[in-house]
Amino acid sequence: MESRTNGADISTHDKEILKQIFSTGLPCADDIDSEEVEDAPVEDNEQIRAAKELEVQGVKAAEAGNIDAAIDLFQQAVSTAPEWPSAYNNRAQALRLKGDIEGAKADLDKALELSQGSGNVACQAFTQRGLILKREGNDEGAKQDFEKAANLGSAFAKQLLAAMNPYAALCNQMLCDVMHKLRSGQEEAEV
């Protein structure tokens, strides 16, 4: 089932990915070990509360497939609280989905600057920027970002690092082959 939004097709799979991304900012909902990741204390003021509400609305718009509205709401959040890193991180995700990779990278860089490279937002931003760099073929840059995210508690980044390790990939392939042979042997024995 696909819906048409702003000239772009959003499939059910894409919607699920959106939900996962915007529910915590990461591809996997339970990705960050919250005991390991501590956010820097942030002054909770009227602007930040307003920005958070705009972000919630932006997430809902993105989940509904309206990426343009989401970007607009995240832009309002950035304008309302320009020192709030989460707004940049969320806008980056929407920009990436829209195809504005350079805009997404700029927002991720700003989120990392404002978060000082620590806490949940930085963990999410390092992971997302690493995914962009990997897609662009910059494996070394991606690896550095995944390592930073992994050090901040991202299980997803740890998985990506393991997948990028050629020895781990070879071991994984060998294990898959062994499991396949075992299953085939069990199926033959059951017949």
N, C-alpha and C. Protein backbone atom coordinates (compact mmCIF):
# COMPACT_ATOMS: atom_id res chain seq x y z
N MET A 1 0.84 -1.18 0.00
CA MET A 1 0.00 0.00 0.00
C MET A 1 0.89 1.24 0.00
N GLU A 2 0.72 2.06 -0.98
CA GLU A 2 1.53 3.26 -1.07
C GLU A 2 0.62 4.48 -1.11
N SER A 3 1.14 5.55 -0.54
CA SER A 3 0.42 6.83 -0.64
C SER A 3 1.31 7.82 -1.37
N ARG A 4 0.68 8.77 -1.99
CA ARG A 4 1.41 9.75 -2.77
C ARG A 4 1.41 11.06 -1.99
N THR A 5 2.62 11.60 -1.74
CA THR A 5 2.75 12.82 -0.96
C THR A 5 3.80 13.72 -1.56
N ASN A 6 3.42 14.93 -1.89
CA ASN A 6 4.37 15.93 -2.36
C ASN A 6 5.26 15.42 -3.48
N GLY A 7 4.71 14.65 -4.39
CA GLY A 7 5.47 14.18 -5.53
C GLY A 7 6.37 13.00 -5.25
N ALA A 8 6.31 12.44 -4.04
CA ALA A 8 7.17 11.31 -3.70
C ALA A 8 6.31 10.15 -3.23
N ASP A 9 6.66 8.93 -3.63
CA ASP A 9 5.94 7.75 -3.17
C ASP A 9 6.47 7.35 -1.80
N ILE A 10 5.55 7.14 -0.85
CA ILE A 10 5.91 6.69 0.48
C ILE A 10 5.27 5.32 0.66
N SER A 11 6.08 4.28 0.68
CA SER A 11 5.56 2.93 0.84
C SER A 11 5.32 2.63 2.31
N THR A 12 4.67 1.52 2.58
CA THR A 12 4.45 1.07 3.96
C THR A 12 5.79 0.87 4.64
N HIS A 13 6.74 0.29 3.92
CA HIS A 13 8.08 0.08 4.46
C HIS A 13 8.72 1.41 4.83
N ASP A 14 8.58 2.41 3.95
CA ASP A 14 9.13 3.74 4.22
C ASP A 14 8.47 4.35 5.45
N LYS A 15 7.14 4.15 5.58
CA LYS A 15 6.43 4.68 6.74
C LYS A 15 6.93 4.03 8.03
N GLU A 16 7.22 2.74 7.99
CA GLU A 16 7.74 2.05 9.16
C GLU A 16 9.12 2.59 9.52
N ILE A 17 9.92 2.82 8.51
CA ILE A 17 11.24 3.39 8.76
C ILE A 17 11.10 4.79 9.35
N LEU A 18 10.18 5.57 8.80
CA LEU A 18 9.92 6.91 9.34
C LEU A 18 9.54 6.82 10.81
N LYS A 19 8.65 5.90 11.11
CA LYS A 19 8.19 5.75 12.49
C LYS A 19 9.36 5.43 13.40
N GLN A 20 10.22 4.52 12.95
CA GLN A 20 11.36 4.15 13.77
C GLN A 20 12.34 5.31 13.91
N ILE A 21 12.57 6.02 12.82
CA ILE A 21 13.51 7.13 12.86
C ILE A 21 13.01 8.22 13.79
N PHE A 22 11.76 8.60 13.61
CA PHE A 22 11.26 9.73 14.36
C PHE A 22 10.81 9.37 15.76
N SER A 23 10.60 8.10 16.06
CA SER A 23 10.20 7.76 17.42
C SER A 23 11.36 7.98 18.38
N THR A 24 12.57 7.72 17.93
CA THR A 24 13.73 7.97 18.78
C THR A 24 14.85 8.62 18.01
N GLY A 25 14.67 8.80 16.72
CA GLY A 25 15.73 9.38 15.91
C GLY A 25 16.69 8.35 15.36
N LEU A 26 16.43 7.11 15.66
CA LEU A 26 17.31 6.04 15.22
C LEU A 26 16.54 4.97 14.48
N PRO A 27 17.24 4.19 13.65
CA PRO A 27 16.56 3.13 12.92
C PRO A 27 15.98 2.04 13.80
N CYS A 28 16.47 1.84 14.99
CA CYS A 28 15.95 0.81 15.88
C CYS A 28 15.44 1.47 17.15
N ALA A 29 14.23 1.12 17.54
CA ALA A 29 13.57 1.80 18.65
C ALA A 29 14.31 1.68 19.97
N ASP A 30 14.95 0.55 20.25
CA ASP A 30 15.63 0.39 21.52
C ASP A 30 17.14 0.47 21.36
N ASP A 31 17.55 1.34 20.47
CA ASP A 31 18.93 1.39 20.05
C ASP A 31 19.92 1.94 21.05
N ILE A 32 19.52 2.89 21.84
CA ILE A 32 20.46 3.53 22.73
C ILE A 32 20.27 2.98 24.12
N ASP A 33 21.38 2.58 24.73
CA ASP A 33 21.34 2.15 26.11
C ASP A 33 21.28 3.41 26.96
N SER A 34 20.09 3.75 27.45
CA SER A 34 19.89 5.02 28.13
C SER A 34 20.71 5.12 29.41
N GLU A 35 21.13 3.99 29.97
CA GLU A 35 21.98 4.06 31.15
C GLU A 35 23.38 4.54 30.80
N GLU A 36 23.79 4.29 29.56
CA GLU A 36 25.11 4.70 29.12
C GLU A 36 25.14 6.14 28.61
N VAL A 37 24.03 6.62 28.08
CA VAL A 37 23.99 7.92 27.43
C VAL A 37 23.38 8.95 28.37
N GLU A 38 24.15 9.96 28.65
CA GLU A 38 23.65 11.03 29.49
C GLU A 38 23.66 12.32 28.69
N ASP A 39 22.51 12.98 28.65
CA ASP A 39 22.44 14.26 27.97
C ASP A 39 22.99 15.35 28.87
N ALA A 40 23.60 16.34 28.24
CA ALA A 40 24.05 17.49 29.00
C ALA A 40 22.81 18.21 29.54
N PRO A 41 22.91 18.75 30.73
CA PRO A 41 21.74 19.45 31.27
C PRO A 41 21.38 20.64 30.37
N VAL A 42 20.09 20.75 30.07
CA VAL A 42 19.59 21.81 29.21
C VAL A 42 18.58 22.61 30.00
N GLU A 43 18.71 23.91 29.92
CA GLU A 43 17.75 24.78 30.59
C GLU A 43 16.38 24.58 29.92
N ASP A 44 15.40 24.20 30.72
CA ASP A 44 14.06 24.00 30.18
C ASP A 44 13.32 25.33 30.27
N ASN A 45 13.23 25.99 29.12
CA ASN A 45 12.55 27.28 29.10
C ASN A 45 11.38 27.24 28.13
N GLU A 46 10.70 28.34 28.00
CA GLU A 46 9.51 28.41 27.15
C GLU A 46 9.83 28.10 25.69
N GLN A 47 10.97 28.60 25.19
CA GLN A 47 11.35 28.36 23.80
C GLN A 47 11.60 26.87 23.55
N ILE A 48 12.27 26.21 24.46
CA ILE A 48 12.55 24.78 24.28
C ILE A 48 11.27 23.97 24.37
N ARG A 49 10.39 24.31 25.29
CA ARG A 49 9.11 23.59 25.37
C ARG A 49 8.31 23.78 24.08
N ALA A 50 8.32 25.00 23.53
CA ALA A 50 7.62 25.26 22.26
C ALA A 50 8.26 24.48 21.12
N ALA A 51 9.61 24.44 21.10
CA ALA A 51 10.32 23.69 20.06
C ALA A 51 10.00 22.20 20.15
N LYS A 52 9.94 21.67 21.36
CA LYS A 52 9.60 20.25 21.55
C LYS A 52 8.21 19.95 20.99
N GLU A 53 7.26 20.84 21.25
CA GLU A 53 5.89 20.64 20.75
C GLU A 53 5.88 20.69 19.22
N LEU A 54 6.63 21.61 18.64
CA LEU A 54 6.72 21.67 17.19
C LEU A 54 7.36 20.39 16.63
N GLU A 55 8.35 19.86 17.33
CA GLU A 55 8.97 18.61 16.89
C GLU A 55 7.96 17.46 16.91
N VAL A 56 7.15 17.39 17.95
CA VAL A 56 6.13 16.34 18.02
C VAL A 56 5.19 16.45 16.82
N GLN A 57 4.78 17.67 16.51
CA GLN A 57 3.91 17.88 15.36
C GLN A 57 4.62 17.50 14.06
N GLY A 58 5.91 17.82 13.98
CA GLY A 58 6.71 17.46 12.80
C GLY A 58 6.82 15.96 12.62
N VAL A 59 7.01 15.25 13.72
CA VAL A 59 7.09 13.80 13.66
C VAL A 59 5.76 13.22 13.17
N LYS A 60 4.67 13.75 13.68
CA LYS A 60 3.35 13.27 13.25
C LYS A 60 3.15 13.53 11.76
N ALA A 61 3.57 14.69 11.30
CA ALA A 61 3.45 15.01 9.87
C ALA A 61 4.29 14.05 9.04
N ALA A 62 5.50 13.77 9.48
CA ALA A 62 6.37 12.84 8.75
C ALA A 62 5.78 11.44 8.73
N GLU A 63 5.26 11.01 9.88
CA GLU A 63 4.65 9.68 9.94
C GLU A 63 3.43 9.58 9.02
N ALA A 64 2.75 10.69 8.82
CA ALA A 64 1.59 10.72 7.91
C ALA A 64 2.03 10.84 6.46
N GLY A 65 3.33 10.94 6.22
CA GLY A 65 3.85 11.00 4.86
C GLY A 65 3.98 12.41 4.31
N ASN A 66 3.74 13.41 5.13
CA ASN A 66 3.83 14.79 4.68
C ASN A 66 5.18 15.37 5.08
N ILE A 67 6.19 15.04 4.31
CA ILE A 67 7.56 15.43 4.62
C ILE A 67 7.74 16.95 4.54
N ASP A 68 7.09 17.60 3.58
CA ASP A 68 7.21 19.05 3.47
C ASP A 68 6.69 19.75 4.73
N ALA A 69 5.55 19.31 5.23
CA ALA A 69 5.01 19.89 6.46
C ALA A 69 5.93 19.61 7.64
N ALA A 70 6.50 18.41 7.67
CA ALA A 70 7.44 18.06 8.75
C ALA A 70 8.64 18.99 8.72
N ILE A 71 9.19 19.19 7.54
CA ILE A 71 10.35 20.08 7.42
C ILE A 71 9.98 21.48 7.90
N ASP A 72 8.82 21.94 7.51
CA ASP A 72 8.35 23.27 7.92
C ASP A 72 8.24 23.36 9.44
N LEU A 73 7.67 22.35 10.07
CA LEU A 73 7.53 22.34 11.53
C LEU A 73 8.89 22.27 12.23
N PHE A 74 9.79 21.46 11.68
CA PHE A 74 11.13 21.39 12.27
C PHE A 74 11.87 22.71 12.08
N GLN A 75 11.63 23.38 10.95
CA GLN A 75 12.22 24.71 10.74
C GLN A 75 11.70 25.69 11.79
N GLN A 76 10.42 25.62 12.08
CA GLN A 76 9.85 26.48 13.12
C GLN A 76 10.48 26.17 14.47
N ALA A 77 10.71 24.88 14.75
CA ALA A 77 11.35 24.49 16.02
C ALA A 77 12.76 25.07 16.10
N VAL A 78 13.50 24.99 14.98
CA VAL A 78 14.86 25.55 14.94
C VAL A 78 14.81 27.06 15.17
N SER A 79 13.88 27.73 14.53
CA SER A 79 13.75 29.18 14.68
C SER A 79 13.33 29.57 16.10
N THR A 80 12.50 28.75 16.72
CA THR A 80 12.00 29.02 18.07
C THR A 80 13.11 28.84 19.11
N ALA A 81 13.91 27.80 18.95
CA ALA A 81 14.98 27.50 19.92
C ALA A 81 16.25 27.11 19.14
N PRO A 82 16.96 28.11 18.60
CA PRO A 82 18.11 27.82 17.74
C PRO A 82 19.26 27.09 18.41
N GLU A 83 19.26 27.03 19.72
CA GLU A 83 20.34 26.32 20.43
C GLU A 83 19.90 24.91 20.87
N TRP A 84 18.72 24.46 20.42
CA TRP A 84 18.17 23.16 20.78
C TRP A 84 18.60 22.14 19.73
N PRO A 85 19.55 21.24 20.02
CA PRO A 85 20.11 20.35 19.00
C PRO A 85 19.12 19.35 18.42
N SER A 86 18.14 18.93 19.19
CA SER A 86 17.18 17.93 18.72
C SER A 86 16.42 18.40 17.49
N ALA A 87 16.10 19.69 17.43
CA ALA A 87 15.36 20.22 16.29
C ALA A 87 16.16 20.07 14.99
N TYR A 88 17.46 20.30 15.07
CA TYR A 88 18.31 20.14 13.89
C TYR A 88 18.40 18.67 13.49
N ASN A 89 18.52 17.79 14.48
CA ASN A 89 18.60 16.36 14.20
C ASN A 89 17.34 15.87 13.51
N ASN A 90 16.18 16.28 14.01
CA ASN A 90 14.92 15.85 13.40
C ASN A 90 14.74 16.45 12.00
N ARG A 91 15.10 17.71 11.85
CA ARG A 91 14.99 18.31 10.52
C ARG A 91 15.91 17.60 9.54
N ALA A 92 17.08 17.20 10.01
CA ALA A 92 18.01 16.47 9.15
C ALA A 92 17.38 15.19 8.61
N GLN A 93 16.64 14.47 9.45
CA GLN A 93 16.01 13.23 9.00
C GLN A 93 14.99 13.51 7.91
N ALA A 94 14.21 14.56 8.12
CA ALA A 94 13.19 14.91 7.12
C ALA A 94 13.85 15.38 5.82
N LEU A 95 14.91 16.17 5.94
CA LEU A 95 15.61 16.63 4.74
C LEU A 95 16.20 15.45 3.97
N ARG A 96 16.74 14.49 4.71
CA ARG A 96 17.31 13.30 4.07
C ARG A 96 16.23 12.54 3.32
N LEU A 97 15.08 12.39 3.93
CA LEU A 97 13.97 11.70 3.26
C LEU A 97 13.51 12.44 2.02
N LYS A 98 13.62 13.74 2.04
CA LYS A 98 13.23 14.58 0.91
C LYS A 98 14.29 14.56 -0.19
N GLY A 99 15.49 14.06 0.14
CA GLY A 99 16.56 14.00 -0.84
C GLY A 99 17.58 15.11 -0.73
N ASP A 100 17.44 15.98 0.27
CA ASP A 100 18.38 17.08 0.49
C ASP A 100 19.49 16.60 1.43
N ILE A 101 20.42 15.84 0.86
CA ILE A 101 21.49 15.22 1.65
C ILE A 101 22.42 16.28 2.23
N GLU A 102 22.77 17.28 1.44
CA GLU A 102 23.67 18.33 1.94
C GLU A 102 23.02 19.10 3.09
N GLY A 103 21.74 19.40 2.97
CA GLY A 103 21.03 20.07 4.06
C GLY A 103 20.98 19.20 5.31
N ALA A 104 20.77 17.91 5.09
CA ALA A 104 20.73 16.98 6.22
C ALA A 104 22.09 16.93 6.92
N LYS A 105 23.16 16.86 6.13
CA LYS A 105 24.50 16.82 6.74
C LYS A 105 24.78 18.11 7.52
N ALA A 106 24.39 19.24 6.97
CA ALA A 106 24.61 20.52 7.67
C ALA A 106 23.85 20.53 9.00
N ASP A 107 22.61 20.03 9.01
CA ASP A 107 21.84 19.99 10.25
C ASP A 107 22.44 19.00 11.25
N LEU A 108 22.93 17.87 10.77
CA LEU A 108 23.56 16.90 11.68
C LEU A 108 24.82 17.50 12.29
N ASP A 109 25.60 18.21 11.47
CA ASP A 109 26.79 18.87 11.99
C ASP A 109 26.42 19.88 13.07
N LYS A 110 25.34 20.64 12.84
CA LYS A 110 24.90 21.64 13.82
C LYS A 110 24.40 20.96 15.09
N ALA A 111 23.68 19.86 14.95
CA ALA A 111 23.20 19.11 16.13
C ALA A 111 24.39 18.61 16.94
N LEU A 112 25.43 18.15 16.26
CA LEU A 112 26.62 17.66 16.96
C LEU A 112 27.36 18.81 17.64
N GLU A 113 27.41 19.94 16.97
CA GLU A 113 28.07 21.12 17.57
C GLU A 113 27.33 21.55 18.84
N LEU A 114 26.01 21.67 18.74
CA LEU A 114 25.22 22.13 19.88
C LEU A 114 25.20 21.12 21.03
N SER A 115 25.22 19.84 20.70
CA SER A 115 25.20 18.80 21.74
C SER A 115 26.59 18.54 22.30
N GLN A 116 27.58 19.17 21.70
CA GLN A 116 28.99 18.98 22.06
C GLN A 116 29.41 17.51 21.92
N GLY A 117 28.77 16.81 20.99
CA GLY A 117 29.14 15.43 20.71
C GLY A 117 28.82 14.45 21.81
N SER A 118 27.89 14.80 22.69
CA SER A 118 27.52 13.86 23.74
C SER A 118 26.01 13.83 23.93
N GLY A 119 25.53 12.75 24.48
CA GLY A 119 24.11 12.59 24.76
C GLY A 119 23.36 11.90 23.64
N ASN A 120 22.06 11.75 23.85
CA ASN A 120 21.20 11.04 22.90
C ASN A 120 21.18 11.68 21.52
N VAL A 121 21.08 13.00 21.47
CA VAL A 121 21.01 13.67 20.17
C VAL A 121 22.30 13.43 19.39
N ALA A 122 23.43 13.53 20.06
CA ALA A 122 24.71 13.29 19.37
C ALA A 122 24.79 11.84 18.91
N CYS A 123 24.35 10.92 19.73
CA CYS A 123 24.35 9.51 19.36
C CYS A 123 23.54 9.30 18.08
N GLN A 124 22.37 9.90 18.04
CA GLN A 124 21.51 9.80 16.87
C GLN A 124 22.14 10.47 15.66
N ALA A 125 22.69 11.66 15.87
CA ALA A 125 23.28 12.41 14.76
C ALA A 125 24.50 11.70 14.19
N PHE A 126 25.35 11.15 15.05
CA PHE A 126 26.51 10.40 14.55
C PHE A 126 26.06 9.19 13.73
N THR A 127 25.03 8.50 14.21
CA THR A 127 24.53 7.33 13.49
C THR A 127 23.98 7.73 12.13
N GLN A 128 23.14 8.76 12.11
CA GLN A 128 22.54 9.19 10.85
C GLN A 128 23.58 9.73 9.87
N ARG A 129 24.54 10.50 10.38
CA ARG A 129 25.57 11.03 9.49
C ARG A 129 26.44 9.88 8.97
N GLY A 130 26.70 8.90 9.82
CA GLY A 130 27.45 7.73 9.39
C GLY A 130 26.74 6.99 8.27
N LEU A 131 25.42 6.87 8.37
CA LEU A 131 24.65 6.21 7.32
C LEU A 131 24.75 6.97 6.00
N ILE A 132 24.70 8.29 6.08
CA ILE A 132 24.83 9.11 4.87
C ILE A 132 26.22 8.93 4.27
N LEU A 133 27.25 9.01 5.11
CA LEU A 133 28.62 8.87 4.61
C LEU A 133 28.84 7.49 4.00
N LYS A 134 28.29 6.46 4.62
CA LYS A 134 28.42 5.10 4.09
C LYS A 134 27.77 5.02 2.71
N ARG A 135 26.60 5.60 2.60
CA ARG A 135 25.89 5.59 1.32
C ARG A 135 26.67 6.34 0.24
N GLU A 136 27.39 7.38 0.64
CA GLU A 136 28.19 8.15 -0.30
C GLU A 136 29.53 7.48 -0.63
N GLY A 137 29.81 6.35 0.02
CA GLY A 137 31.05 5.63 -0.24
C GLY A 137 32.21 6.05 0.64
N ASN A 138 31.96 6.89 1.63
CA ASN A 138 33.01 7.33 2.55
C ASN A 138 33.01 6.39 3.76
N ASP A 139 33.55 5.19 3.54
CA ASP A 139 33.54 4.18 4.60
C ASP A 139 34.34 4.61 5.83
N GLU A 140 35.44 5.29 5.62
CA GLU A 140 36.27 5.71 6.77
C GLU A 140 35.52 6.73 7.63
N GLY A 141 34.90 7.72 6.98
CA GLY A 141 34.12 8.71 7.72
C GLY A 141 32.94 8.06 8.43
N ALA A 142 32.28 7.12 7.73
CA ALA A 142 31.15 6.41 8.33
C ALA A 142 31.61 5.62 9.54
N LYS A 143 32.72 4.95 9.41
CA LYS A 143 33.25 4.14 10.52
C LYS A 143 33.54 5.02 11.73
N GLN A 144 34.12 6.19 11.51
CA GLN A 144 34.42 7.10 12.62
C GLN A 144 33.13 7.53 13.32
N ASP A 145 32.11 7.87 12.54
CA ASP A 145 30.84 8.28 13.14
C ASP A 145 30.16 7.12 13.86
N PHE A 146 30.19 5.94 13.28
CA PHE A 146 29.59 4.78 13.93
C PHE A 146 30.32 4.45 15.24
N GLU A 147 31.64 4.61 15.25
CA GLU A 147 32.40 4.36 16.48
C GLU A 147 31.98 5.35 17.57
N LYS A 148 31.82 6.61 17.19
CA LYS A 148 31.39 7.62 18.17
C LYS A 148 29.99 7.30 18.69
N ALA A 149 29.09 6.93 17.79
CA ALA A 149 27.73 6.57 18.20
C ALA A 149 27.74 5.32 19.08
N ALA A 150 28.55 4.34 18.71
CA ALA A 150 28.65 3.12 19.51
C ALA A 150 29.17 3.44 20.91
N ASN A 151 30.15 4.32 20.99
CA ASN A 151 30.68 4.72 22.29
C ASN A 151 29.65 5.46 23.13
N LEU A 152 28.67 6.06 22.47
CA LEU A 152 27.59 6.75 23.17
C LEU A 152 26.42 5.81 23.49
N GLY A 153 26.52 4.55 23.07
CA GLY A 153 25.52 3.56 23.45
C GLY A 153 24.63 3.04 22.34
N SER A 154 24.92 3.33 21.09
CA SER A 154 24.06 2.87 20.00
C SER A 154 24.38 1.43 19.61
N ALA A 155 23.42 0.54 19.88
CA ALA A 155 23.58 -0.86 19.48
C ALA A 155 23.56 -0.98 17.96
N PHE A 156 22.76 -0.15 17.31
CA PHE A 156 22.68 -0.17 15.85
C PHE A 156 24.03 0.19 15.23
N ALA A 157 24.69 1.22 15.76
CA ALA A 157 26.01 1.61 15.27
C ALA A 157 27.02 0.49 15.49
N LYS A 158 26.90 -0.20 16.60
CA LYS A 158 27.80 -1.34 16.87
C LYS A 158 27.59 -2.43 15.82
N GLN A 159 26.34 -2.68 15.45
CA GLN A 159 26.04 -3.68 14.42
C GLN A 159 26.62 -3.25 13.07
N LEU A 160 26.48 -1.97 12.76
CA LEU A 160 27.02 -1.47 11.50
C LEU A 160 28.53 -1.58 11.46
N LEU A 161 29.18 -1.30 12.57
CA LEU A 161 30.64 -1.43 12.64
C LEU A 161 31.06 -2.88 12.41
N ALA A 162 30.34 -3.79 13.05
CA ALA A 162 30.65 -5.21 12.87
C ALA A 162 30.47 -5.63 11.42
N ALA A 163 29.42 -5.12 10.77
CA ALA A 163 29.17 -5.46 9.37
C ALA A 163 30.24 -4.89 8.46
N MET A 164 30.85 -3.77 8.86
CA MET A 164 31.89 -3.15 8.05
C MET A 164 33.24 -3.85 8.21
N ASN A 165 33.36 -4.67 9.25
CA ASN A 165 34.60 -5.39 9.50
C ASN A 165 34.66 -6.59 8.55
N PRO A 166 35.65 -6.64 7.64
CA PRO A 166 35.68 -7.72 6.66
C PRO A 166 35.81 -9.10 7.30
N TYR A 167 36.51 -9.21 8.42
CA TYR A 167 36.63 -10.50 9.10
C TYR A 167 35.31 -10.93 9.69
N ALA A 168 34.58 -9.96 10.27
CA ALA A 168 33.27 -10.27 10.82
C ALA A 168 32.32 -10.70 9.71
N ALA A 169 32.38 -10.01 8.57
CA ALA A 169 31.52 -10.35 7.44
C ALA A 169 31.82 -11.76 6.95
N LEU A 170 33.11 -12.10 6.86
CA LEU A 170 33.50 -13.43 6.42
C LEU A 170 33.02 -14.49 7.41
N CYS A 171 33.20 -14.23 8.71
CA CYS A 171 32.74 -15.17 9.73
C CYS A 171 31.23 -15.32 9.67
N ASN A 172 30.54 -14.22 9.47
CA ASN A 172 29.08 -14.25 9.37
C ASN A 172 28.65 -15.10 8.18
N GLN A 173 29.31 -14.92 7.04
CA GLN A 173 28.98 -15.71 5.85
C GLN A 173 29.24 -17.19 6.11
N MET A 174 30.37 -17.49 6.75
CA MET A 174 30.69 -18.89 7.05
C MET A 174 29.64 -19.48 7.99
N LEU A 175 29.23 -18.71 9.00
CA LEU A 175 28.22 -19.18 9.93
C LEU A 175 26.89 -19.42 9.22
N CYS A 176 26.52 -18.52 8.33
CA CYS A 176 25.29 -18.70 7.55
C CYS A 176 25.35 -19.97 6.71
N ASP A 177 26.51 -20.22 6.09
CA ASP A 177 26.68 -21.43 5.29
C ASP A 177 26.53 -22.68 6.15
N VAL A 178 27.13 -22.68 7.32
CA VAL A 178 27.05 -23.83 8.23
C VAL A 178 25.60 -24.04 8.66
N MET A 179 24.92 -22.95 9.03
CA MET A 179 23.52 -23.06 9.46
C MET A 179 22.65 -23.59 8.33
N HIS A 180 22.91 -23.13 7.11
CA HIS A 180 22.15 -23.60 5.95
C HIS A 180 22.38 -25.10 5.75
N LYS A 181 23.62 -25.54 5.85
CA LYS A 181 23.93 -26.96 5.69
C LYS A 181 23.28 -27.79 6.80
N LEU A 182 23.30 -27.26 8.03
CA LEU A 182 22.67 -27.99 9.13
C LEU A 182 21.16 -28.11 8.91
N ARG A 183 20.54 -27.03 8.48
CA ARG A 183 19.10 -27.06 8.22
C ARG A 183 18.78 -28.02 7.09
N SER A 184 19.59 -27.99 6.04
CA SER A 184 19.37 -28.90 4.90
C SER A 184 19.51 -30.34 5.36
N GLY A 185 20.49 -30.60 6.20
CA GLY A 185 20.70 -31.95 6.73
C GLY A 185 19.55 -32.38 7.61
N GLN A 186 19.01 -31.49 8.39
CA GLN A 186 17.87 -31.81 9.25
C GLN A 186 16.63 -32.09 8.42
N GLU A 187 16.44 -31.31 7.36
CA GLU A 187 15.28 -31.51 6.50
C GLU A 187 15.36 -32.87 5.82
N GLU A 188 16.58 -33.25 5.37
CA GLU A 188 16.75 -34.54 4.71
C GLU A 188 16.53 -35.67 5.70
N ALA A 189 16.99 -35.50 6.97
CA ALA A 189 16.85 -36.53 7.97
C ALA A 189 15.38 -36.72 8.38
N GLU A 190 14.58 -35.64 8.30
CA GLU A 190 13.17 -35.72 8.67
C GLU A 190 12.34 -36.39 7.60
N VAL A 191 12.83 -36.41 6.35
CA VAL A 191 12.05 -36.99 5.24
C VAL A 191 12.06 -38.45 5.28
